[in-house]
């Protein structure tokens, strides 16, 4: 078979020859330099169009000292892969990419898990103008690593970090938990349970637990905590916590699970015990992940505005603020069949 030679790539030197000017004039004309006359600029642009020449925008940005790129690291569980990433992280990543596109930025995405392969020096290498870190809080080694990187790399923004001293963006956990309590009580629940933890590395879990219990108390309804066991998958944690609750003999008619993945496990345990959702027990989750629409029945959940979350994370990078701050993302109640 005869080899087919690929056409040579058109360069700025080809454009210069075609336009009858120097290569430096081509560079200035295409970069918008004010020292180039409009007539010369039109001649260069016409030659470039005729030859099918396109400016290497990435190289141009690098010459100007800007990459036009932000990096986003998704922390995964050690030993896990792309299939093991929480669907919420992928949804949040979508919000980040959409917000970056609105600003004309590209996103360099990296899934990282293993201690000996962690990398966060994108800014120092000139690959990105800043870094966003999201993902599971179960990988504390990775979060410690990226905290150290963040001490020397600016700007950096984090979503849901388990570390208390990082610049981070998070859902309005307290507002969401209050919405869940109010909804279950409006649905007639008198004995509430929250499935969650005060000690989880997901510090937003404690915020959601406390706000739910406090709001239920304000409305004259008791709410107890069914604590999840540390480690393991969230769905399994939710199932085991609910099984322990059923074995305890405690009476309840409404459950708030502090994340959707826990709620999936709660639903599994209730259905295995021949309890109907929502006829016997009403259930609300938190996160609004796409899979929550696919349960039977579909899960009522608290959904953060992930488009806004993406914008806030990108703003933290693009605006270049070096002062740590906490930004809260608004939430809303999505009422579905589980309540």
C-alpha atoms as a PDB file:
ATOM      1  CA  UNK A   1       0.000   0.000   0.000  1.00  0.00           C
ATOM      2  CA  UNK A   2       1.426   3.362  -1.010  1.00  0.00           C
ATOM      3  CA  UNK A   3       2.108   5.738   1.865  1.00  0.00           C
ATOM      4  CA  UNK A   4       0.021   8.898   1.785  1.00  0.00           C
ATOM      5  CA  UNK A   5       2.015  11.974   2.710  1.00  0.00           C
ATOM      6  CA  UNK A   6       0.208  14.299   5.096  1.00  0.00           C
ATOM      7  CA  UNK A   7      -0.027  17.885   3.885  1.00  0.00           C
ATOM      8  CA  UNK A   8       2.545  20.171   5.467  1.00  0.00           C
ATOM      9  CA  UNK A   9       1.239  22.424   8.204  1.00  0.00           C
ATOM     10  CA  UNK A  10       0.926  26.055   7.166  1.00  0.00           C
ATOM     11  CA  UNK A  11       3.151  28.333   9.255  1.00  0.00           C
ATOM     12  CA  UNK A  12       3.358  32.044   9.888  1.00  0.00           C
ATOM     13  CA  UNK A  13       6.367  32.130   7.529  1.00  0.00           C
ATOM     14  CA  UNK A  14       4.125  30.838   4.713  1.00  0.00           C
ATOM     15  CA  UNK A  15       1.619  33.586   5.488  1.00  0.00           C
ATOM     16  CA  UNK A  16       4.419  36.190   5.476  1.00  0.00           C
ATOM     17  CA  UNK A  17       5.650  35.046   2.063  1.00  0.00           C
ATOM     18  CA  UNK A  18       2.115  35.014   0.643  1.00  0.00           C
ATOM     19  CA  UNK A  19       1.374  38.496   1.997  1.00  0.00           C
ATOM     20  CA  UNK A  20       4.767  39.904   1.051  1.00  0.00           C
ATOM     21  CA  UNK A  21       5.672  40.955   4.602  1.00  0.00           C
ATOM     22  CA  UNK A  22       8.025  39.744   7.323  1.00  0.00           C
ATOM     23  CA  UNK A  23       7.125  36.965   9.782  1.00  0.00           C
ATOM     24  CA  UNK A  24       7.320  39.428  12.677  1.00  0.00           C
ATOM     25  CA  UNK A  25       4.744  41.609  10.900  1.00  0.00           C
ATOM     26  CA  UNK A  26       2.447  38.584  10.628  1.00  0.00           C
ATOM     27  CA  UNK A  27       2.815  37.924  14.363  1.00  0.00           C
ATOM     28  CA  UNK A  28       2.049  41.536  15.252  1.00  0.00           C
ATOM     29  CA  UNK A  29      -0.880  41.744  12.855  1.00  0.00           C
ATOM     30  CA  UNK A  30      -2.499  38.569  14.184  1.00  0.00           C
ATOM     31  CA  UNK A  31      -1.964  39.583  17.824  1.00  0.00           C
ATOM     32  CA  UNK A  32      -3.745  42.911  17.286  1.00  0.00           C
ATOM     33  CA  UNK A  33      -0.680  45.116  17.717  1.00  0.00           C
ATOM     34  CA  UNK A  34      -1.466  48.830  17.304  1.00  0.00           C
ATOM     35  CA  UNK A  35       1.803  49.454  15.426  1.00  0.00           C
ATOM     36  CA  UNK A  36       0.472  47.601  12.367  1.00  0.00           C
ATOM     37  CA  UNK A  37      -1.576  49.628   9.902  1.00  0.00           C
ATOM     38  CA  UNK A  38      -5.101  48.503   9.122  1.00  0.00           C
ATOM     39  CA  UNK A  39      -4.191  47.939   5.468  1.00  0.00           C
ATOM     40  CA  UNK A  40      -1.309  45.640   6.392  1.00  0.00           C
ATOM     41  CA  UNK A  41      -3.452  43.812   8.937  1.00  0.00           C
ATOM     42  CA  UNK A  42      -6.140  43.182   6.292  1.00  0.00           C
ATOM     43  CA  UNK A  43      -3.498  41.885   3.865  1.00  0.00           C
ATOM     44  CA  UNK A  44      -2.119  39.486   6.498  1.00  0.00           C
ATOM     45  CA  UNK A  45      -5.576  38.277   7.519  1.00  0.00           C
ATOM     46  CA  UNK A  46      -6.482  37.702   3.886  1.00  0.00           C
ATOM     47  CA  UNK A  47      -3.331  35.664   3.296  1.00  0.00           C
ATOM     48  CA  UNK A  48      -3.921  33.623   6.440  1.00  0.00           C
ATOM     49  CA  UNK A  49      -7.478  32.846   5.359  1.00  0.00           C
ATOM     50  CA  UNK A  50      -6.440  31.858   1.863  1.00  0.00           C
ATOM     51  CA  UNK A  51      -3.795  29.460   3.189  1.00  0.00           C
ATOM     52  CA  UNK A  52      -5.982  28.063   5.979  1.00  0.00           C
ATOM     53  CA  UNK A  53      -3.645  29.312   8.697  1.00  0.00           C
ATOM     54  CA  UNK A  54      -4.889  29.330  12.283  1.00  0.00           C
ATOM     55  CA  UNK A  55      -3.137  30.949  15.207  1.00  0.00           C
ATOM     56  CA  UNK A  56      -1.895  28.505  17.861  1.00  0.00           C
ATOM     57  CA  UNK A  57      -3.895  30.180  20.612  1.00  0.00           C
ATOM     58  CA  UNK A  58      -2.342  28.108  23.410  1.00  0.00           C
ATOM     59  CA  UNK A  59       1.170  29.072  22.325  1.00  0.00           C
ATOM     60  CA  UNK A  60       0.107  32.703  21.990  1.00  0.00           C
ATOM     61  CA  UNK A  61      -1.327  32.706  25.503  1.00  0.00           C
ATOM     62  CA  UNK A  62       1.857  31.185  26.886  1.00  0.00           C
ATOM     63  CA  UNK A  63       3.919  33.908  25.221  1.00  0.00           C
ATOM     64  CA  UNK A  64       1.683  36.470  26.901  1.00  0.00           C
ATOM     65  CA  UNK A  65       2.153  34.737  30.260  1.00  0.00           C
ATOM     66  CA  UNK A  66      -1.359  33.241  30.400  1.00  0.00           C
ATOM     67  CA  UNK A  67      -2.299  29.620  29.824  1.00  0.00           C
ATOM     68  CA  UNK A  68      -6.046  30.152  29.515  1.00  0.00           C
ATOM     69  CA  UNK A  69      -6.365  26.898  31.474  1.00  0.00           C
ATOM     70  CA  UNK A  70      -7.331  25.896  34.998  1.00  0.00           C
ATOM     71  CA  UNK A  71      -6.586  22.467  36.430  1.00  0.00           C
ATOM     72  CA  UNK A  72      -9.151  20.430  38.339  1.00  0.00           C
ATOM     73  CA  UNK A  73      -8.029  17.500  40.470  1.00  0.00           C
ATOM     74  CA  UNK A  74     -10.649  14.890  41.414  1.00  0.00           C
ATOM     75  CA  UNK A  75      -9.419  12.992  44.481  1.00  0.00           C
ATOM     76  CA  UNK A  76     -10.409   9.319  44.360  1.00  0.00           C
ATOM     77  CA  UNK A  77     -10.238   6.508  46.872  1.00  0.00           C
ATOM     78  CA  UNK A  78      -6.924   4.615  46.856  1.00  0.00           C
ATOM     79  CA  UNK A  79      -7.219   1.610  44.612  1.00  0.00           C
ATOM     80  CA  UNK A  80     -10.296   3.048  42.929  1.00  0.00           C
ATOM     81  CA  UNK A  81     -10.823   4.151  39.367  1.00  0.00           C
ATOM     82  CA  UNK A  82     -13.086   6.376  37.329  1.00  0.00           C
ATOM     83  CA  UNK A  83     -16.071   4.069  37.921  1.00  0.00           C
ATOM     84  CA  UNK A  84     -15.684   4.476  41.683  1.00  0.00           C
ATOM     85  CA  UNK A  85     -15.888   8.275  41.712  1.00  0.00           C
ATOM     86  CA  UNK A  86     -18.981   9.639  43.455  1.00  0.00           C
ATOM     87  CA  UNK A  87     -21.470  10.764  40.773  1.00  0.00           C
ATOM     88  CA  UNK A  88     -21.737  14.058  42.654  1.00  0.00           C
ATOM     89  CA  UNK A  89     -18.089  14.804  41.812  1.00  0.00           C
ATOM     90  CA  UNK A  90     -18.775  14.281  38.121  1.00  0.00           C
ATOM     91  CA  UNK A  91     -21.821  16.562  38.318  1.00  0.00           C
ATOM     92  CA  UNK A  92     -19.740  19.221  40.074  1.00  0.00           C
ATOM     93  CA  UNK A  93     -17.010  18.805  37.469  1.00  0.00           C
ATOM     94  CA  UNK A  94     -19.597  19.550  34.810  1.00  0.00           C
ATOM     95  CA  UNK A  95     -20.474  22.796  36.593  1.00  0.00           C
ATOM     96  CA  UNK A  96     -16.788  23.747  36.724  1.00  0.00           C
ATOM     97  CA  UNK A  97     -16.307  23.086  32.998  1.00  0.00           C
ATOM     98  CA  UNK A  98     -19.410  25.100  32.101  1.00  0.00           C
ATOM     99  CA  UNK A  99     -18.289  28.045  34.245  1.00  0.00           C
ATOM    100  CA  UNK A 100     -14.790  27.945  32.786  1.00  0.00           C
ATOM    101  CA  UNK A 101     -16.183  27.936  29.250  1.00  0.00           C
ATOM    102  CA  UNK A 102     -18.205  31.056  30.056  1.00  0.00           C
ATOM    103  CA  UNK A 103     -14.902  32.794  30.796  1.00  0.00           C
ATOM    104  CA  UNK A 104     -13.148  31.415  27.734  1.00  0.00           C
ATOM    105  CA  UNK A 105     -11.037  29.048  29.840  1.00  0.00           C
ATOM    106  CA  UNK A 106     -10.155  25.417  29.286  1.00  0.00           C
ATOM    107  CA  UNK A 107     -10.104  22.778  32.050  1.00  0.00           C
ATOM    108  CA  UNK A 108      -7.312  20.246  32.577  1.00  0.00           C
ATOM    109  CA  UNK A 109      -8.829  17.338  34.553  1.00  0.00           C
ATOM    110  CA  UNK A 110      -6.861  14.780  36.558  1.00  0.00           C
ATOM    111  CA  UNK A 111      -8.231  11.884  38.648  1.00  0.00           C
ATOM    112  CA  UNK A 112      -5.743  11.096  41.421  1.00  0.00           C
ATOM    113  CA  UNK A 113      -5.685   8.551  44.227  1.00  0.00           C
ATOM    114  CA  UNK A 114      -2.384   6.808  44.934  1.00  0.00           C
ATOM    115  CA  UNK A 115       0.036   8.495  47.342  1.00  0.00           C
ATOM    116  CA  UNK A 116       3.117   7.950  45.177  1.00  0.00           C
ATOM    117  CA  UNK A 117       1.448   9.421  42.086  1.00  0.00           C
ATOM    118  CA  UNK A 118      -0.087  12.626  43.443  1.00  0.00           C
ATOM    119  CA  UNK A 119       0.720  15.770  41.485  1.00  0.00           C
ATOM    120  CA  UNK A 120      -0.463  19.339  41.887  1.00  0.00           C
ATOM    121  CA  UNK A 121       2.251  21.611  40.451  1.00  0.00           C
ATOM    122  CA  UNK A 122       0.343  22.696  37.364  1.00  0.00           C
ATOM    123  CA  UNK A 123       0.867  26.405  38.005  1.00  0.00           C
ATOM    124  CA  UNK A 124       4.618  26.075  38.552  1.00  0.00           C
ATOM    125  CA  UNK A 125       4.965  24.109  35.321  1.00  0.00           C
ATOM    126  CA  UNK A 126       3.018  26.711  33.380  1.00  0.00           C
ATOM    127  CA  UNK A 127       0.228  24.257  32.568  1.00  0.00           C
ATOM    128  CA  UNK A 128      -2.531  26.189  34.344  1.00  0.00           C
ATOM    129  CA  UNK A 129      -3.273  29.479  36.034  1.00  0.00           C
ATOM    130  CA  UNK A 130      -4.814  27.918  39.119  1.00  0.00           C
ATOM    131  CA  UNK A 131      -6.092  24.673  40.597  1.00  0.00           C
ATOM    132  CA  UNK A 132      -9.434  23.389  41.893  1.00  0.00           C
ATOM    133  CA  UNK A 133      -9.491  20.309  44.132  1.00  0.00           C
ATOM    134  CA  UNK A 134     -12.656  18.234  44.649  1.00  0.00           C
ATOM    135  CA  UNK A 135     -13.467  14.591  45.386  1.00  0.00           C
ATOM    136  CA  UNK A 136     -13.735  12.100  48.210  1.00  0.00           C
ATOM    137  CA  UNK A 137     -12.732  13.057  51.734  1.00  0.00           C
ATOM    138  CA  UNK A 138     -11.867   9.397  52.408  1.00  0.00           C
ATOM    139  CA  UNK A 139      -8.384   9.928  50.960  1.00  0.00           C
ATOM    140  CA  UNK A 140      -6.847  12.045  53.726  1.00  0.00           C
ATOM    141  CA  UNK A 141      -3.299  11.525  52.416  1.00  0.00           C
ATOM    142  CA  UNK A 142      -4.268  13.195  49.154  1.00  0.00           C
ATOM    143  CA  UNK A 143      -5.942  16.138  50.893  1.00  0.00           C
ATOM    144  CA  UNK A 144      -2.862  16.646  53.089  1.00  0.00           C
ATOM    145  CA  UNK A 145      -0.725  16.621  49.950  1.00  0.00           C
ATOM    146  CA  UNK A 146      -2.854  19.211  48.166  1.00  0.00           C
ATOM    147  CA  UNK A 147      -2.955  21.411  51.263  1.00  0.00           C
ATOM    148  CA  UNK A 148       0.864  21.527  51.172  1.00  0.00           C
ATOM    149  CA  UNK A 149       0.799  22.249  47.450  1.00  0.00           C
ATOM    150  CA  UNK A 150      -1.689  25.026  48.090  1.00  0.00           C
ATOM    151  CA  UNK A 151       0.656  26.710  50.532  1.00  0.00           C
ATOM    152  CA  UNK A 152       2.949  27.554  47.610  1.00  0.00           C
ATOM    153  CA  UNK A 153       0.590  27.434  44.633  1.00  0.00           C
ATOM    154  CA  UNK A 154      -1.910  30.244  44.191  1.00  0.00           C
ATOM    155  CA  UNK A 155      -4.695  30.459  43.501  1.00  0.00           C
ATOM    156  CA  UNK A 156      -6.262  27.203  44.741  1.00  0.00           C
ATOM    157  CA  UNK A 157      -9.887  26.480  45.624  1.00  0.00           C
ATOM    158  CA  UNK A 158     -11.387  23.393  47.265  1.00  0.00           C
ATOM    159  CA  UNK A 159     -14.850  21.848  47.406  1.00  0.00           C
ATOM    160  CA  UNK A 160     -15.863  20.030  50.574  1.00  0.00           C
ATOM    161  CA  UNK A 161     -12.382  19.665  52.029  1.00  0.00           C
ATOM    162  CA  UNK A 162     -12.109  17.666  55.276  1.00  0.00           C
ATOM    163  CA  UNK A 163      -9.439  20.131  56.396  1.00  0.00           C
ATOM    164  CA  UNK A 164     -10.647  23.156  58.306  1.00  0.00           C
ATOM    165  CA  UNK A 165      -8.112  25.721  57.112  1.00  0.00           C
ATOM    166  CA  UNK A 166      -8.601  25.647  53.346  1.00  0.00           C
ATOM    167  CA  UNK A 167     -10.304  28.030  50.969  1.00  0.00           C
ATOM    168  CA  UNK A 168     -13.413  26.066  50.049  1.00  0.00           C
ATOM    169  CA  UNK A 169     -16.834  26.146  48.451  1.00  0.00           C
ATOM    170  CA  UNK A 170     -19.700  24.090  49.819  1.00  0.00           C
ATOM    171  CA  UNK A 171     -23.448  23.617  49.710  1.00  0.00           C
ATOM    172  CA  UNK A 172     -25.539  25.661  52.128  1.00  0.00           C
ATOM    173  CA  UNK A 173     -25.759  22.612  54.368  1.00  0.00           C
ATOM    174  CA  UNK A 174     -27.738  24.229  57.166  1.00  0.00           C
ATOM    175  CA  UNK A 175     -30.394  25.678  54.866  1.00  0.00           C
ATOM    176  CA  UNK A 176     -30.758  22.341  53.085  1.00  0.00           C
ATOM    177  CA  UNK A 177     -31.115  20.361  56.311  1.00  0.00           C
ATOM    178  CA  UNK A 178     -33.759  22.784  57.564  1.00  0.00           C
ATOM    179  CA  UNK A 179     -35.684  22.335  54.311  1.00  0.00           C
ATOM    180  CA  UNK A 180     -35.564  18.555  54.795  1.00  0.00           C
ATOM    181  CA  UNK A 181     -36.910  18.788  58.363  1.00  0.00           C
ATOM    182  CA  UNK A 182     -39.679  21.172  57.376  1.00  0.00           C
ATOM    183  CA  UNK A 183     -40.718  18.991  54.440  1.00  0.00           C
ATOM    184  CA  UNK A 184     -40.904  15.753  56.435  1.00  0.00           C
ATOM    185  CA  UNK A 185     -42.899  17.432  59.194  1.00  0.00           C
ATOM    186  CA  UNK A 186     -45.260  18.994  56.630  1.00  0.00           C
ATOM    187  CA  UNK A 187     -45.767  15.453  55.314  1.00  0.00           C
ATOM    188  CA  UNK A 188     -46.997  14.419  58.778  1.00  0.00           C
ATOM    189  CA  UNK A 189     -43.872  12.828  60.252  1.00  0.00           C
ATOM    190  CA  UNK A 190     -43.725  12.871  64.066  1.00  0.00           C
ATOM    191  CA  UNK A 191     -40.642  10.757  64.825  1.00  0.00           C
ATOM    192  CA  UNK A 192     -37.626  11.647  62.735  1.00  0.00           C
ATOM    193  CA  UNK A 193     -34.202  10.090  62.267  1.00  0.00           C
ATOM    194  CA  UNK A 194     -31.164  11.565  60.542  1.00  0.00           C
ATOM    195  CA  UNK A 195     -28.685   9.075  59.067  1.00  0.00           C
ATOM    196  CA  UNK A 196     -25.248  10.650  59.230  1.00  0.00           C
ATOM    197  CA  UNK A 197     -22.276  11.348  61.461  1.00  0.00           C
ATOM    198  CA  UNK A 198     -20.680  13.951  63.682  1.00  0.00           C
ATOM    199  CA  UNK A 199     -17.192  12.530  63.175  1.00  0.00           C
ATOM    200  CA  UNK A 200     -17.055  11.816  59.434  1.00  0.00           C
ATOM    201  CA  UNK A 201     -14.274  13.388  57.388  1.00  0.00           C
ATOM    202  CA  UNK A 202     -17.147  14.891  55.432  1.00  0.00           C
ATOM    203  CA  UNK A 203     -17.506  17.812  57.844  1.00  0.00           C
ATOM    204  CA  UNK A 204     -20.631  18.958  56.020  1.00  0.00           C
ATOM    205  CA  UNK A 205     -22.332  15.837  57.395  1.00  0.00           C
ATOM    206  CA  UNK A 206     -22.136  17.258  60.927  1.00  0.00           C
ATOM    207  CA  UNK A 207     -23.528  20.587  59.722  1.00  0.00           C
ATOM    208  CA  UNK A 208     -26.484  18.826  58.138  1.00  0.00           C
ATOM    209  CA  UNK A 209     -27.120  16.637  61.197  1.00  0.00           C
ATOM    210  CA  UNK A 210     -27.084  19.549  63.638  1.00  0.00           C
ATOM    211  CA  UNK A 211     -29.257  21.820  61.497  1.00  0.00           C
ATOM    212  CA  UNK A 212     -31.831  19.077  60.895  1.00  0.00           C
ATOM    213  CA  UNK A 213     -32.122  18.163  64.572  1.00  0.00           C
ATOM    214  CA  UNK A 214     -32.308  21.825  65.614  1.00  0.00           C
ATOM    215  CA  UNK A 215     -35.020  22.695  63.090  1.00  0.00           C
ATOM    216  CA  UNK A 216     -37.103  19.636  64.011  1.00  0.00           C
ATOM    217  CA  UNK A 217     -36.876  20.634  67.664  1.00  0.00           C
ATOM    218  CA  UNK A 218     -38.001  24.177  66.825  1.00  0.00           C
ATOM    219  CA  UNK A 219     -41.048  22.653  65.141  1.00  0.00           C
ATOM    220  CA  UNK A 220     -41.807  20.464  68.168  1.00  0.00           C
ATOM    221  CA  UNK A 221     -40.698  17.125  66.695  1.00  0.00           C
ATOM    222  CA  UNK A 222     -37.976  14.864  68.066  1.00  0.00           C
ATOM    223  CA  UNK A 223     -35.107  13.752  65.809  1.00  0.00           C
ATOM    224  CA  UNK A 224     -32.435  11.190  66.664  1.00  0.00           C
ATOM    225  CA  UNK A 225     -29.149  10.325  64.959  1.00  0.00           C
ATOM    226  CA  UNK A 226     -28.469   6.952  63.352  1.00  0.00           C
ATOM    227  CA  UNK A 227     -24.688   7.035  63.084  1.00  0.00           C
ATOM    228  CA  UNK A 228     -22.975   5.532  60.069  1.00  0.00           C
ATOM    229  CA  UNK A 229     -19.972   3.276  60.533  1.00  0.00           C
ATOM    230  CA  UNK A 230     -16.669   4.727  59.291  1.00  0.00           C
ATOM    231  CA  UNK A 231     -15.185   3.351  56.086  1.00  0.00           C
ATOM    232  CA  UNK A 232     -16.848   1.498  53.274  1.00  0.00           C
ATOM    233  CA  UNK A 233     -19.130   2.692  50.510  1.00  0.00           C
ATOM    234  CA  UNK A 234     -21.841   5.219  51.373  1.00  0.00           C
ATOM    235  CA  UNK A 235     -24.664   2.969  50.185  1.00  0.00           C
ATOM    236  CA  UNK A 236     -23.470   0.174  52.446  1.00  0.00           C
ATOM    237  CA  UNK A 237     -23.136   2.623  55.338  1.00  0.00           C
ATOM    238  CA  UNK A 238     -26.723   3.780  54.864  1.00  0.00           C
ATOM    239  CA  UNK A 239     -28.006   0.221  54.686  1.00  0.00           C
ATOM    240  CA  UNK A 240     -26.145  -0.890  57.833  1.00  0.00           C
ATOM    241  CA  UNK A 241     -27.217   2.171  59.822  1.00  0.00           C
ATOM    242  CA  UNK A 242     -30.848   1.540  58.904  1.00  0.00           C
ATOM    243  CA  UNK A 243     -30.619  -2.166  59.718  1.00  0.00           C
ATOM    244  CA  UNK A 244     -29.234  -1.270  63.154  1.00  0.00           C
ATOM    245  CA  UNK A 245     -32.042   1.254  63.615  1.00  0.00           C
ATOM    246  CA  UNK A 246     -34.681  -1.356  62.773  1.00  0.00           C
ATOM    247  CA  UNK A 247     -33.096  -3.867  65.144  1.00  0.00           C
ATOM    248  CA  UNK A 248     -33.148  -1.311  67.959  1.00  0.00           C
ATOM    249  CA  UNK A 249     -36.930  -1.195  67.927  1.00  0.00           C
ATOM    250  CA  UNK A 250     -36.964   2.615  67.837  1.00  0.00           C
ATOM    251  CA  UNK A 251     -40.110   3.966  66.212  1.00  0.00           C
ATOM    252  CA  UNK A 252     -39.740   6.408  63.341  1.00  0.00           C
ATOM    253  CA  UNK A 253     -41.723   7.572  60.341  1.00  0.00           C
ATOM    254  CA  UNK A 254     -39.305   9.888  58.530  1.00  0.00           C
ATOM    255  CA  UNK A 255     -35.605   9.724  57.648  1.00  0.00           C
ATOM    256  CA  UNK A 256     -33.208  12.369  56.409  1.00  0.00           C
ATOM    257  CA  UNK A 257     -30.014  10.872  54.935  1.00  0.00           C
ATOM    258  CA  UNK A 258     -27.229  13.450  54.787  1.00  0.00           C
ATOM    259  CA  UNK A 259     -26.241  12.397  51.240  1.00  0.00           C
ATOM    260  CA  UNK A 260     -28.039  10.640  48.405  1.00  0.00           C
ATOM    261  CA  UNK A 261     -25.680   7.662  48.388  1.00  0.00           C
ATOM    262  CA  UNK A 262     -26.571   6.994  52.030  1.00  0.00           C
ATOM    263  CA  UNK A 263     -30.246   7.372  51.143  1.00  0.00           C
ATOM    264  CA  UNK A 264     -29.912   4.619  48.535  1.00  0.00           C
ATOM    265  CA  UNK A 265     -28.721   2.255  51.266  1.00  0.00           C
ATOM    266  CA  UNK A 266     -31.512   3.391  53.591  1.00  0.00           C
ATOM    267  CA  UNK A 267     -34.055   2.570  50.892  1.00  0.00           C
ATOM    268  CA  UNK A 268     -32.487  -0.874  50.364  1.00  0.00           C
ATOM    269  CA  UNK A 269     -32.783  -1.726  54.062  1.00  0.00           C
ATOM    270  CA  UNK A 270     -36.355  -0.457  54.383  1.00  0.00           C
ATOM    271  CA  UNK A 271     -37.523  -2.383  51.343  1.00  0.00           C
ATOM    272  CA  UNK A 272     -35.766  -5.549  52.565  1.00  0.00           C
ATOM    273  CA  UNK A 273     -37.726  -5.166  55.804  1.00  0.00           C
ATOM    274  CA  UNK A 274     -40.983  -4.920  53.798  1.00  0.00           C
ATOM    275  CA  UNK A 275     -41.461  -1.278  54.724  1.00  0.00           C
ATOM    276  CA  UNK A 276     -42.939   0.912  52.038  1.00  0.00           C
ATOM    277  CA  UNK A 277     -41.355   4.198  50.991  1.00  0.00           C
ATOM    278  CA  UNK A 278     -43.158   6.582  51.371  1.00  0.00           C
ATOM    279  CA  UNK A 279     -46.279   4.928  52.850  1.00  0.00           C
ATOM    280  CA  UNK A 280     -44.546   3.593  55.967  1.00  0.00           C
ATOM    281  CA  UNK A 281     -41.389   5.706  56.028  1.00  0.00           C
ATOM    282  CA  UNK A 282     -40.751   8.967  54.212  1.00  0.00           C
ATOM    283  CA  UNK A 283     -37.197   9.616  53.024  1.00  0.00           C
ATOM    284  CA  UNK A 284     -35.181  12.675  51.958  1.00  0.00           C
ATOM    285  CA  UNK A 285     -31.578  12.735  50.724  1.00  0.00           C
ATOM    286  CA  UNK A 286     -29.062  15.474  49.980  1.00  0.00           C
ATOM    287  CA  UNK A 287     -26.957  16.242  46.853  1.00  0.00           C
ATOM    288  CA  UNK A 288     -29.416  15.899  43.977  1.00  0.00           C
ATOM    289  CA  UNK A 289     -27.208  13.490  42.015  1.00  0.00           C
ATOM    290  CA  UNK A 290     -28.740  12.275  38.725  1.00  0.00           C
ATOM    291  CA  UNK A 291     -29.125   8.703  40.011  1.00  0.00           C
ATOM    292  CA  UNK A 292     -31.572   9.942  42.652  1.00  0.00           C
ATOM    293  CA  UNK A 293     -34.221  10.191  39.919  1.00  0.00           C
ATOM    294  CA  UNK A 294     -33.806   6.514  39.055  1.00  0.00           C
ATOM    295  CA  UNK A 295     -34.569   4.883  42.409  1.00  0.00           C
ATOM    296  CA  UNK A 296     -37.897   3.198  43.106  1.00  0.00           C
ATOM    297  CA  UNK A 297     -39.554   5.411  44.165  1.00  0.00           C
ATOM    298  CA  UNK A 298     -37.547   8.420  42.948  1.00  0.00           C
ATOM    299  CA  UNK A 299     -35.705  10.057  45.836  1.00  0.00           C
ATOM    300  CA  UNK A 300     -36.758  13.400  47.286  1.00  0.00           C
ATOM    301  CA  UNK A 301     -33.513  15.297  47.753  1.00  0.00           C
ATOM    302  CA  UNK A 302     -31.853  18.616  48.511  1.00  0.00           C
ATOM    303  CA  UNK A 303     -30.108  19.815  45.370  1.00  0.00           C
ATOM    304  CA  UNK A 304     -27.269  22.366  45.426  1.00  0.00           C
ATOM    305  CA  UNK A 305     -26.959  24.709  42.470  1.00  0.00           C
ATOM    306  CA  UNK A 306     -23.953  23.049  40.810  1.00  0.00           C
ATOM    307  CA  UNK A 307     -23.821  25.662  38.056  1.00  0.00           C
ATOM    308  CA  UNK A 308     -23.338  28.271  40.767  1.00  0.00           C
ATOM    309  CA  UNK A 309     -20.856  25.997  42.552  1.00  0.00           C
ATOM    310  CA  UNK A 310     -18.807  25.792  39.363  1.00  0.00           C
ATOM    311  CA  UNK A 311     -18.914  29.565  38.942  1.00  0.00           C
ATOM    312  CA  UNK A 312     -17.782  30.178  42.520  1.00  0.00           C
ATOM    313  CA  UNK A 313     -14.890  27.733  42.204  1.00  0.00           C
ATOM    314  CA  UNK A 314     -13.766  29.212  38.902  1.00  0.00           C
ATOM    315  CA  UNK A 315     -14.143  32.746  40.279  1.00  0.00           C
ATOM    316  CA  UNK A 316     -11.897  31.831  43.182  1.00  0.00           C
ATOM    317  CA  UNK A 317      -9.239  30.902  40.621  1.00  0.00           C
ATOM    318  CA  UNK A 318      -9.811  33.535  37.959  1.00  0.00           C
ATOM    319  CA  UNK A 319     -10.135  36.440  40.405  1.00  0.00           C
ATOM    320  CA  UNK A 320      -6.874  35.453  42.090  1.00  0.00           C
ATOM    321  CA  UNK A 321      -7.892  36.145  45.703  1.00  0.00           C
ATOM    322  CA  UNK A 322      -5.333  34.883  48.208  1.00  0.00           C
ATOM    323  CA  UNK A 323      -7.608  35.341  51.248  1.00  0.00           C
ATOM    324  CA  UNK A 324      -9.209  32.028  52.321  1.00  0.00           C
ATOM    325  CA  UNK A 325     -12.972  32.225  52.450  1.00  0.00           C
ATOM    326  CA  UNK A 326     -16.015  30.002  52.568  1.00  0.00           C
ATOM    327  CA  UNK A 327     -18.595  30.382  49.826  1.00  0.00           C
ATOM    328  CA  UNK A 328     -22.019  28.774  50.246  1.00  0.00           C
ATOM    329  CA  UNK A 329     -23.967  27.459  47.271  1.00  0.00           C
ATOM    330  CA  UNK A 330     -27.778  27.837  47.400  1.00  0.00           C
ATOM    331  CA  UNK A 331     -29.918  24.696  47.581  1.00  0.00           C
ATOM    332  CA  UNK A 332     -33.489  23.712  46.782  1.00  0.00           C
ATOM    333  CA  UNK A 333     -35.854  20.881  47.670  1.00  0.00           C
ATOM    334  CA  UNK A 334     -36.738  18.461  44.862  1.00  0.00           C
ATOM    335  CA  UNK A 335     -39.914  16.678  45.909  1.00  0.00           C
ATOM    336  CA  UNK A 336     -40.282  13.197  44.427  1.00  0.00           C
ATOM    337  CA  UNK A 337     -41.914   9.900  45.242  1.00  0.00           C
ATOM    338  CA  UNK A 338     -39.970   8.946  48.404  1.00  0.00           C
ATOM    339  CA  UNK A 339     -41.783  11.500  50.561  1.00  0.00           C
END
